[in-house]
PDB file of N, CA and C in Angstrom:
ATOM      1  N   MET A   1      93.593  82.425  82.114  1.00  0.00           N
ATOM      2  CA  MET A   1      94.562  82.498  83.190  1.00  0.00           C
ATOM      3  C   MET A   1      93.986  83.395  84.288  1.00  0.00           C
ATOM      4  N   CYS A   2      93.960  82.893  85.505  1.00  0.00           N
ATOM      5  CA  CYS A   2      93.429  83.704  86.594  1.00  0.00           C
ATOM      6  C   CYS A   2      94.525  84.628  87.128  1.00  0.00           C
ATOM      7  N   ILE A   3      94.108  85.584  87.923  1.00  0.00           N
ATOM      8  CA  ILE A   3      95.031  86.577  88.464  1.00  0.00           C
ATOM      9  C   ILE A   3      96.118  85.919  89.302  1.00  0.00           C
ATOM     10  N   ARG A   4      95.741  84.921  90.085  1.00  0.00           N
ATOM     11  CA  ARG A   4      96.703  84.251  90.949  1.00  0.00           C
ATOM     12  C   ARG A   4      97.828  83.619  90.134  1.00  0.00           C
ATOM     13  N   ASP A   5      97.484  83.028  89.000  1.00  0.00           N
ATOM     14  CA  ASP A   5      98.500  82.428  88.139  1.00  0.00           C
ATOM     15  C   ASP A   5      99.433  83.480  87.556  1.00  0.00           C
ATOM     16  N   SER A   6      98.896  84.647  87.208  1.00  0.00           N
ATOM     17  CA  SER A   6      99.754  85.701  86.663  1.00  0.00           C
ATOM     18  C   SER A   6     100.704  86.228  87.739  1.00  0.00           C
ATOM     19  N   TYR A   7     100.227  86.328  88.989  1.00  0.00           N
ATOM     20  CA  TYR A   7     101.111  86.723  90.089  1.00  0.00           C
ATOM     21  C   TYR A   7     102.222  85.695  90.281  1.00  0.00           C
ATOM     22  N   LYS A   8     101.857  84.416  90.176  1.00  0.00           N
ATOM     23  CA  LYS A   8     102.858  83.355  90.330  1.00  0.00           C
ATOM     24  C   LYS A   8     103.932  83.459  89.256  1.00  0.00           C
ATOM     25  N   SER A   9     103.519  83.715  88.027  1.00  0.00           N
ATOM     26  CA  SER A   9     104.506  83.783  86.944  1.00  0.00           C
ATOM     27  C   SER A   9     105.418  85.000  87.108  1.00  0.00           C
ATOM     28  N   VAL A  10     104.864  86.120  87.528  1.00  0.00           N
ATOM     29  CA  VAL A  10     105.680  87.314  87.759  1.00  0.00           C
ATOM     30  C   VAL A  10     106.642  87.069  88.914  1.00  0.00           C
ATOM     31  N   ALA A  11     106.144  86.489  90.002  1.00  0.00           N
ATOM     32  CA  ALA A  11     106.995  86.214  91.163  1.00  0.00           C
ATOM     33  C   ALA A  11     108.101  85.226  90.808  1.00  0.00           C
ATOM     34  N   LYS A  12     107.771  84.227  90.022  1.00  0.00           N
ATOM     35  CA  LYS A  12     108.763  83.213  89.638  1.00  0.00           C
ATOM     36  C   LYS A  12     109.905  83.868  88.868  1.00  0.00           C
ATOM     37  N   LYS A  13     109.580  84.755  87.952  1.00  0.00           N
ATOM     38  CA  LYS A  13     110.611  85.441  87.164  1.00  0.00           C
ATOM     39  C   LYS A  13     111.477  86.325  88.058  1.00  0.00           C
ATOM     40  N   LYS A  14     110.837  87.059  88.965  1.00  0.00           N
ATOM     41  CA  LYS A  14     111.576  87.972  89.840  1.00  0.00           C
ATOM     42  C   LYS A  14     112.486  87.211  90.795  1.00  0.00           C
ATOM     43  N   VAL A  15     111.985  86.143  91.409  1.00  0.00           N
ATOM     44  CA  VAL A  15     112.778  85.380  92.373  1.00  0.00           C
ATOM     45  C   VAL A  15     113.960  84.713  91.677  1.00  0.00           C
ATOM     46  N   ARG A  16     113.756  84.206  90.495  1.00  0.00           N
ATOM     47  CA  ARG A  16     114.862  83.579  89.758  1.00  0.00           C
ATOM     48  C   ARG A  16     115.960  84.586  89.425  1.00  0.00           C
ATOM     49  N   GLY A  17     115.601  85.842  89.291  1.00  0.00           N
ATOM     50  CA  GLY A  17     116.583  86.879  88.976  1.00  0.00           C
ATOM     51  C   GLY A  17     117.304  87.430  90.195  1.00  0.00           C
ATOM     52  N   MET A  18     116.925  86.994  91.392  1.00  0.00           N
ATOM     53  CA  MET A  18     117.541  87.504  92.626  1.00  0.00           C
ATOM     54  C   MET A  18     118.807  86.728  92.968  1.00  0.00           C
ATOM     55  N   ASN A  19     119.750  87.443  93.595  1.00  0.00           N
ATOM     56  CA  ASN A  19     120.907  86.731  94.127  1.00  0.00           C
ATOM     57  C   ASN A  19     120.538  86.186  95.507  1.00  0.00           C
ATOM     58  N   SER A  20     121.433  85.441  96.132  1.00  0.00           N
ATOM     59  CA  SER A  20     121.095  84.769  97.395  1.00  0.00           C
ATOM     60  C   SER A  20     120.777  85.761  98.510  1.00  0.00           C
ATOM     61  N   GLN A  21     121.452  86.906  98.552  1.00  0.00           N
ATOM     62  CA  GLN A  21     121.170  87.901  99.581  1.00  0.00           C
ATOM     63  C   GLN A  21     119.757  88.465  99.421  1.00  0.00           C
ATOM     64  N   GLU A  22     119.353  88.739  98.194  1.00  0.00           N
ATOM     65  CA  GLU A  22     118.014  89.259  97.935  1.00  0.00           C
ATOM     66  C   GLU A  22     116.938  88.229  98.264  1.00  0.00           C
ATOM     67  N   VAL A  23     117.206  86.956  97.985  1.00  0.00           N
ATOM     68  CA  VAL A  23     116.246  85.900  98.310  1.00  0.00           C
ATOM     69  C   VAL A  23     116.090  85.789  99.825  1.00  0.00           C
ATOM     70  N   ASN A  24     117.210  85.837 100.552  1.00  0.00           N
ATOM     71  CA  ASN A  24     117.140  85.786 102.018  1.00  0.00           C
ATOM     72  C   ASN A  24     116.337  86.953 102.574  1.00  0.00           C
ATOM     73  N   ARG A  25     116.579  88.152 102.063  1.00  0.00           N
ATOM     74  CA  ARG A  25     115.837  89.332 102.518  1.00  0.00           C
ATOM     75  C   ARG A  25     114.343  89.167 102.208  1.00  0.00           C
ATOM     76  N   PHE A  26     114.038  88.642 101.033  1.00  0.00           N
ATOM     77  CA  PHE A  26     112.653  88.404 100.630  1.00  0.00           C
ATOM     78  C   PHE A  26     111.960  87.447 101.603  1.00  0.00           C
ATOM     79  N   PHE A  27     112.629  86.357 101.972  1.00  0.00           N
ATOM     80  CA  PHE A  27     112.045  85.397 102.905  1.00  0.00           C
ATOM     81  C   PHE A  27     111.841  86.004 104.297  1.00  0.00           C
ATOM     82  N   VAL A  28     112.773  86.831 104.740  1.00  0.00           N
ATOM     83  CA  VAL A  28     112.624  87.482 106.050  1.00  0.00           C
ATOM     84  C   VAL A  28     111.418  88.414 106.026  1.00  0.00           C
ATOM     85  N   VAL A  29     111.301  89.196 104.969  1.00  0.00           N
ATOM     86  CA  VAL A  29     110.157  90.111 104.860  1.00  0.00           C
ATOM     87  C   VAL A  29     108.852  89.333 104.817  1.00  0.00           C
ATOM     88  N   CYS A  30     108.816  88.248 104.059  1.00  0.00           N
ATOM     89  CA  CYS A  30     107.591  87.436 103.964  1.00  0.00           C
ATOM     90  C   CYS A  30     107.204  86.863 105.323  1.00  0.00           C
ATOM     91  N   SER A  31     108.181  86.457 106.103  1.00  0.00           N
ATOM     92  CA  SER A  31     107.864  85.854 107.396  1.00  0.00           C
ATOM     93  C   SER A  31     107.456  86.882 108.435  1.00  0.00           C
ATOM     94  N   LEU A  32     107.863  88.130 108.272  1.00  0.00           N
ATOM     95  CA  LEU A  32     107.572  89.153 109.278  1.00  0.00           C
ATOM     96  C   LEU A  32     106.401  90.070 108.918  1.00  0.00           C
ATOM     97  N   VAL A  33     106.026  90.116 107.660  1.00  0.00           N
ATOM     98  CA  VAL A  33     105.014  91.070 107.217  1.00  0.00           C
ATOM     99  C   VAL A  33     103.656  90.813 107.864  1.00  0.00           C
ATOM    100  N   SER A  34     103.372  89.584 108.251  1.00  0.00           N
ATOM    101  CA  SER A  34     102.074  89.296 108.872  1.00  0.00           C
ATOM    102  C   SER A  34     101.904  90.035 110.196  1.00  0.00           C
ATOM    103  N   ASP A  35     103.005  90.396 110.873  1.00  0.00           N
ATOM    104  CA  ASP A  35     102.906  91.165 112.116  1.00  0.00           C
ATOM    105  C   ASP A  35     102.436  92.593 111.872  1.00  0.00           C
ATOM    106  N   LEU A  36     102.563  93.077 110.652  1.00  0.00           N
ATOM    107  CA  LEU A  36     102.177  94.458 110.353  1.00  0.00           C
ATOM    108  C   LEU A  36     100.689  94.622 110.096  1.00  0.00           C
ATOM    109  N   TYR A  37     100.002  93.529 109.799  1.00  0.00           N
ATOM    110  CA  TYR A  37      98.571  93.622 109.524  1.00  0.00           C
ATOM    111  C   TYR A  37      97.797  92.734 110.478  1.00  0.00           C
ATOM    112  N   CYS A  38      96.952  93.358 111.237  1.00  0.00           N
ATOM    113  CA  CYS A  38      96.040  92.636 112.116  1.00  0.00           C
ATOM    114  C   CYS A  38      94.697  93.337 112.021  1.00  0.00           C
ATOM    115  N   PRO A  39      93.609  92.635 111.708  1.00  0.00           N
ATOM    116  CA  PRO A  39      92.301  93.292 111.640  1.00  0.00           C
ATOM    117  C   PRO A  39      91.979  93.965 112.967  1.00  0.00           C
ATOM    118  N   GLY A  40      91.543  95.197 112.898  1.00  0.00           N
ATOM    119  CA  GLY A  40      91.207  95.936 114.106  1.00  0.00           C
ATOM    120  C   GLY A  40      92.418  96.502 114.821  1.00  0.00           C
ATOM    121  N   TYR A  41      93.591  96.401 114.205  1.00  0.00           N
ATOM    122  CA  TYR A  41      94.823  96.881 114.823  1.00  0.00           C
ATOM    123  C   TYR A  41      94.804  98.398 114.910  1.00  0.00           C
ATOM    124  N   ASN A  42      95.168  98.912 116.062  1.00  0.00           N
ATOM    125  CA  ASN A  42      95.269 100.349 116.266  1.00  0.00           C
ATOM    126  C   ASN A  42      96.683 100.782 115.884  1.00  0.00           C
ATOM    127  N   PRO A  43      96.873 101.589 114.843  1.00  0.00           N
ATOM    128  CA  PRO A  43      98.215 101.958 114.408  1.00  0.00           C
ATOM    129  C   PRO A  43      98.996 102.769 115.443  1.00  0.00           C
ATOM    130  N   ARG A  44      98.327 103.358 116.409  1.00  0.00           N
ATOM    131  CA  ARG A  44      99.029 104.115 117.453  1.00  0.00           C
ATOM    132  C   ARG A  44      99.551 103.200 118.558  1.00  0.00           C
ATOM    133  N   GLN A  45      99.092 101.969 118.554  1.00  0.00           N
ATOM    134  CA  GLN A  45      99.505 101.019 119.576  1.00  0.00           C
ATOM    135  C   GLN A  45     100.784 100.309 119.129  1.00  0.00           C
ATOM    136  N   ALA A  46     101.725 100.131 120.058  1.00  0.00           N
ATOM    137  CA  ALA A  46     102.985  99.461 119.740  1.00  0.00           C
ATOM    138  C   ALA A  46     102.756  97.964 119.540  1.00  0.00           C
ATOM    139  N   LEU A  47     103.626  97.356 118.751  1.00  0.00           N
ATOM    140  CA  LEU A  47     103.567  95.903 118.587  1.00  0.00           C
ATOM    141  C   LEU A  47     103.930  95.241 119.914  1.00  0.00           C
ATOM    142  N   PRO A  48     103.342  94.101 120.205  1.00  0.00           N
ATOM    143  CA  PRO A  48     103.729  93.382 121.421  1.00  0.00           C
ATOM    144  C   PRO A  48     105.204  92.993 121.373  1.00  0.00           C
ATOM    145  N   LYS A  49     105.846  92.989 122.524  1.00  0.00           N
ATOM    146  CA  LYS A  49     107.276  92.663 122.605  1.00  0.00           C
ATOM    147  C   LYS A  49     107.572  91.242 122.130  1.00  0.00           C
ATOM    148  N   ASP A  50     106.569  90.360 122.189  1.00  0.00           N
ATOM    149  CA  ASP A  50     106.800  88.972 121.789  1.00  0.00           C
ATOM    150  C   ASP A  50     106.435  88.688 120.326  1.00  0.00           C
ATOM    151  N   SER A  51     106.098  89.735 119.564  1.00  0.00           N
ATOM    152  CA  SER A  51     105.788  89.528 118.142  1.00  0.00           C
ATOM    153  C   SER A  51     107.073  89.178 117.390  1.00  0.00           C
ATOM    154  N   ASN A  52     106.924  88.462 116.298  1.00  0.00           N
ATOM    155  CA  ASN A  52     108.095  88.076 115.494  1.00  0.00           C
ATOM    156  C   ASN A  52     108.894  89.286 115.039  1.00  0.00           C
ATOM    157  N   LEU A  53     108.194  90.348 114.669  1.00  0.00           N
ATOM    158  CA  LEU A  53     108.864  91.543 114.180  1.00  0.00           C
ATOM    159  C   LEU A  53     109.681  92.206 115.298  1.00  0.00           C
ATOM    160  N   ALA A  54     109.110  92.311 116.496  1.00  0.00           N
ATOM    161  CA  ALA A  54     109.821  92.923 117.620  1.00  0.00           C
ATOM    162  C   ALA A  54     111.018  92.072 118.054  1.00  0.00           C
ATOM    163  N   VAL A  55     110.848  90.760 118.063  1.00  0.00           N
ATOM    164  CA  VAL A  55     111.944  89.865 118.445  1.00  0.00           C
ATOM    165  C   VAL A  55     113.086  89.965 117.432  1.00  0.00           C
ATOM    166  N   THR A  56     112.748  90.010 116.147  1.00  0.00           N
ATOM    167  CA  THR A  56     113.774  90.121 115.110  1.00  0.00           C
ATOM    168  C   THR A  56     114.480  91.471 115.188  1.00  0.00           C
ATOM    169  N   ALA A  57     113.740  92.534 115.446  1.00  0.00           N
ATOM    170  CA  ALA A  57     114.355  93.856 115.592  1.00  0.00           C
ATOM    171  C   ALA A  57     115.326  93.863 116.773  1.00  0.00           C
ATOM    172  N   ALA A  58     114.946  93.221 117.869  1.00  0.00           N
ATOM    173  CA  ALA A  58     115.833  93.140 119.029  1.00  0.00           C
ATOM    174  C   ALA A  58     117.076  92.312 118.697  1.00  0.00           C
ATOM    175  N   ARG A  59     116.910  91.244 117.948  1.00  0.00           N
ATOM    176  CA  ARG A  59     118.041  90.392 117.572  1.00  0.00           C
ATOM    177  C   ARG A  59     119.062  91.175 116.758  1.00  0.00           C
ATOM    178  N   TYR A  60     118.575  92.034 115.872  1.00  0.00           N
ATOM    179  CA  TYR A  60     119.480  92.830 115.043  1.00  0.00           C
ATOM    180  C   TYR A  60     119.849  94.161 115.694  1.00  0.00           C
ATOM    181  N   LYS A  61     119.471  94.327 116.965  1.00  0.00           N
ATOM    182  CA  LYS A  61     119.818  95.508 117.760  1.00  0.00           C
ATOM    183  C   LYS A  61     119.389  96.815 117.087  1.00  0.00           C
ATOM    184  N   LEU A  62     118.168  96.831 116.569  1.00  0.00           N
ATOM    185  CA  LEU A  62     117.614  98.036 115.966  1.00  0.00           C
ATOM    186  C   LEU A  62     117.047  98.934 117.053  1.00  0.00           C
ATOM    187  N   ASP A  63     117.234 100.213 116.914  1.00  0.00           N
ATOM    188  CA  ASP A  63     116.654 101.181 117.847  1.00  0.00           C
ATOM    189  C   ASP A  63     115.221 101.432 117.396  1.00  0.00           C
ATOM    190  N   THR A  64     114.303 100.638 117.948  1.00  0.00           N
ATOM    191  CA  THR A  64     112.913 100.690 117.480  1.00  0.00           C
ATOM    192  C   THR A  64     112.238 102.011 117.808  1.00  0.00           C
ATOM    193  N   ALA A  65     112.621 102.646 118.902  1.00  0.00           N
ATOM    194  CA  ALA A  65     112.017 103.941 119.245  1.00  0.00           C
ATOM    195  C   ALA A  65     112.393 104.992 118.200  1.00  0.00           C
ATOM    196  N   ARG A  66     113.669 105.015 117.797  1.00  0.00           N
ATOM    197  CA  ARG A  66     114.128 105.980 116.785  1.00  0.00           C
ATOM    198  C   ARG A  66     113.484 105.669 115.439  1.00  0.00           C
ATOM    199  N   LEU A  67     113.397 104.396 115.118  1.00  0.00           N
ATOM    200  CA  LEU A  67     112.780 103.974 113.860  1.00  0.00           C
ATOM    201  C   LEU A  67     111.310 104.382 113.808  1.00  0.00           C
ATOM    202  N   ALA A  68     110.590 104.165 114.907  1.00  0.00           N
ATOM    203  CA  ALA A  68     109.171 104.546 114.962  1.00  0.00           C
ATOM    204  C   ALA A  68     109.011 106.057 114.817  1.00  0.00           C
ATOM    205  N   ALA A  69     109.900 106.822 115.448  1.00  0.00           N
ATOM    206  CA  ALA A  69     109.828 108.286 115.338  1.00  0.00           C
ATOM    207  C   ALA A  69     110.073 108.737 113.900  1.00  0.00           C
ATOM    208  N   GLU A  70     111.037 108.108 113.231  1.00  0.00           N
ATOM    209  CA  GLU A  70     111.323 108.460 111.836  1.00  0.00           C
ATOM    210  C   GLU A  70     110.142 108.131 110.927  1.00  0.00           C
ATOM    211  N   VAL A  71     109.517 106.989 111.159  1.00  0.00           N
ATOM    212  CA  VAL A  71     108.364 106.589 110.342  1.00  0.00           C
ATOM    213  C   VAL A  71     107.204 107.543 110.568  1.00  0.00           C
ATOM    214  N   ARG A  72     106.942 107.881 111.831  1.00  0.00           N
ATOM    215  CA  ARG A  72     105.856 108.840 112.121  1.00  0.00           C
ATOM    216  C   ARG A  72     106.113 110.182 111.447  1.00  0.00           C
ATOM    217  N   ALA A  73     107.359 110.660 111.508  1.00  0.00           N
ATOM    218  CA  ALA A  73     107.705 111.937 110.881  1.00  0.00           C
ATOM    219  C   ALA A  73     107.497 111.865 109.371  1.00  0.00           C
ATOM    220  N   GLU A  74     107.927 110.769 108.770  1.00  0.00           N
ATOM    221  CA  GLU A  74     107.774 110.596 107.319  1.00  0.00           C
ATOM    222  C   GLU A  74     106.297 110.535 106.929  1.00  0.00           C
ATOM    223  N   LEU A  75     105.502 109.798 107.694  1.00  0.00           N
ATOM    224  CA  LEU A  75     104.077 109.692 107.379  1.00  0.00           C
ATOM    225  C   LEU A  75     103.362 111.024 107.562  1.00  0.00           C
ATOM    226  N   SER A  76     103.718 111.770 108.606  1.00  0.00           N
ATOM    227  CA  SER A  76     103.064 113.066 108.807  1.00  0.00           C
ATOM    228  C   SER A  76     103.483 114.046 107.721  1.00  0.00           C
ATOM    229  N   LYS A  77     104.725 113.942 107.245  1.00  0.00           N
ATOM    230  CA  LYS A  77     105.186 114.803 106.165  1.00  0.00           C
ATOM    231  C   LYS A  77     104.388 114.510 104.894  1.00  0.00           C
ATOM    232  N   LYS A  78     104.145 113.225 104.615  1.00  0.00           N
ATOM    233  CA  LYS A  78     103.365 112.850 103.432  1.00  0.00           C
ATOM    234  C   LYS A  78     101.928 113.326 103.563  1.00  0.00           C
ATOM    235  N   LYS A  79     101.339 113.209 104.759  1.00  0.00           N
ATOM    236  CA  LYS A  79      99.967 113.675 104.968  1.00  0.00           C
ATOM    237  C   LYS A  79      99.875 115.167 104.732  1.00  0.00           C
ATOM    238  N   ASP A  80     100.864 115.927 105.251  1.00  0.00           N
ATOM    239  CA  ASP A  80     100.849 117.374 105.080  1.00  0.00           C
ATOM    240  C   ASP A  80     100.960 117.765 103.618  1.00  0.00           C
ATOM    241  N   SER A  81     101.812 117.073 102.871  1.00  0.00           N
ATOM    242  CA  SER A  81     101.973 117.427 101.462  1.00  0.00           C
ATOM    243  C   SER A  81     100.742 117.036 100.650  1.00  0.00           C
ATOM    244  N   VAL A  82     100.095 115.937 101.005  1.00  0.00           N
ATOM    245  CA  VAL A  82      98.888 115.510 100.297  1.00  0.00           C
ATOM    246  C   VAL A  82      97.723 116.426 100.659  1.00  0.00           C
ATOM    247  N   ALA A  83      97.611 116.804 101.924  1.00  0.00           N
ATOM    248  CA  ALA A  83      96.508 117.649 102.359  1.00  0.00           C
ATOM    249  C   ALA A  83      96.629 119.058 101.790  1.00  0.00           C
ATOM    250  N   GLY A  84      97.851 119.511 101.535  1.00  0.00           N
ATOM    251  CA  GLY A  84      98.064 120.870 101.063  1.00  0.00           C
ATOM    252  C   GLY A  84      97.776 121.066  99.592  1.00  0.00           C
ATOM    253  N   SER A  85      97.818 120.013  98.813  1.00  0.00           N
ATOM    254  CA  SER A  85      97.602 120.167  97.374  1.00  0.00           C
ATOM    255  C   SER A  85      96.749 119.031  96.843  1.00  0.00           C
ATOM    256  N   HIS A  86      96.117 119.311  95.737  1.00  0.00           N
ATOM    257  CA  HIS A  86      95.276 118.320  95.065  1.00  0.00           C
ATOM    258  C   HIS A  86      95.746 118.231  93.621  1.00  0.00           C
ATOM    259  N   PRO A  87      96.788 117.406  93.352  1.00  0.00           N
ATOM    260  CA  PRO A  87      97.355 117.382  91.996  1.00  0.00           C
ATOM    261  C   PRO A  87      96.361 116.974  90.923  1.00  0.00           C
ATOM    262  N   VAL A  88      95.450 116.074  91.208  1.00  0.00           N
ATOM    263  CA  VAL A  88      94.484 115.648  90.193  1.00  0.00           C
ATOM    264  C   VAL A  88      93.539 116.790  89.877  1.00  0.00           C
ATOM    265  N   LYS A  89      93.049 117.447  90.917  1.00  0.00           N
ATOM    266  CA  LYS A  89      92.137 118.563  90.727  1.00  0.00           C
ATOM    267  C   LYS A  89      92.830 119.697  89.970  1.00  0.00           C
ATOM    268  N   GLU A  90      94.089 119.998  90.355  1.00  0.00           N
ATOM    269  CA  GLU A  90      94.829 121.066  89.689  1.00  0.00           C
ATOM    270  C   GLU A  90      95.098 120.725  88.230  1.00  0.00           C
ATOM    271  N   ALA A  91      95.380 119.451  87.936  1.00  0.00           N
ATOM    272  CA  ALA A  91      95.641 119.043  86.558  1.00  0.00           C
ATOM    273  C   ALA A  91      94.391 119.202  85.701  1.00  0.00           C
ATOM    274  N   LYS A  92      93.232 118.823  86.263  1.00  0.00           N
ATOM    275  CA  LYS A  92      91.981 118.977  85.509  1.00  0.00           C
ATOM    276  C   LYS A  92      91.673 120.435  85.254  1.00  0.00           C
ATOM    277  N   GLU A  93      91.882 121.287  86.286  1.00  0.00           N
ATOM    278  CA  GLU A  93      91.613 122.711  86.112  1.00  0.00           C
ATOM    279  C   GLU A  93      92.558 123.331  85.107  1.00  0.00           C
ATOM    280  N   GLY A  94      93.809 122.846  85.075  1.00  0.00           N
ATOM    281  CA  GLY A  94      94.785 123.359  84.124  1.00  0.00           C
ATOM    282  C   GLY A  94      94.419 123.040  82.698  1.00  0.00           C
ATOM    283  N   LYS A  95      93.815 121.874  82.466  1.00  0.00           N
ATOM    284  CA  LYS A  95      93.402 121.494  81.110  1.00  0.00           C
ATOM    285  C   LYS A  95      92.250 122.349  80.631  1.00  0.00           C
ATOM    286  N   ARG A  96      91.386 122.747  81.539  1.00  0.00           N
ATOM    287  CA  ARG A  96      90.210 123.543  81.167  1.00  0.00           C
ATOM    288  C   ARG A  96      90.592 124.975  80.797  1.00  0.00           C
ATOM    289  N   SER A  97      91.666 125.476  81.374  1.00  0.00           N
ATOM    290  CA  SER A  97      92.040 126.883  81.149  1.00  0.00           C
ATOM    291  C   SER A  97      92.530 127.135  79.775  1.00  0.00           C
TER     292      SER A  97
END
């Protein structure tokens, strides 16, 4: 069995267990996720206004500026916590002591 087949079987089980609202959300995410990855994409650059993701956000009246600020704050918080400690290194040193 190849990896792709195992992914298919896992996905089939998960999708069958979803209710209609979860399936709809899954399809929306699948259709919009391609806007998040572009080779050579500069993460500091905003998505074009005509991208599917931006159009959908406008349709649902999301405050994209506030959302972007929250995401940046969350990502910088994670970077600070990761940069400040090295849990793997500390765990190894703890075992040696």
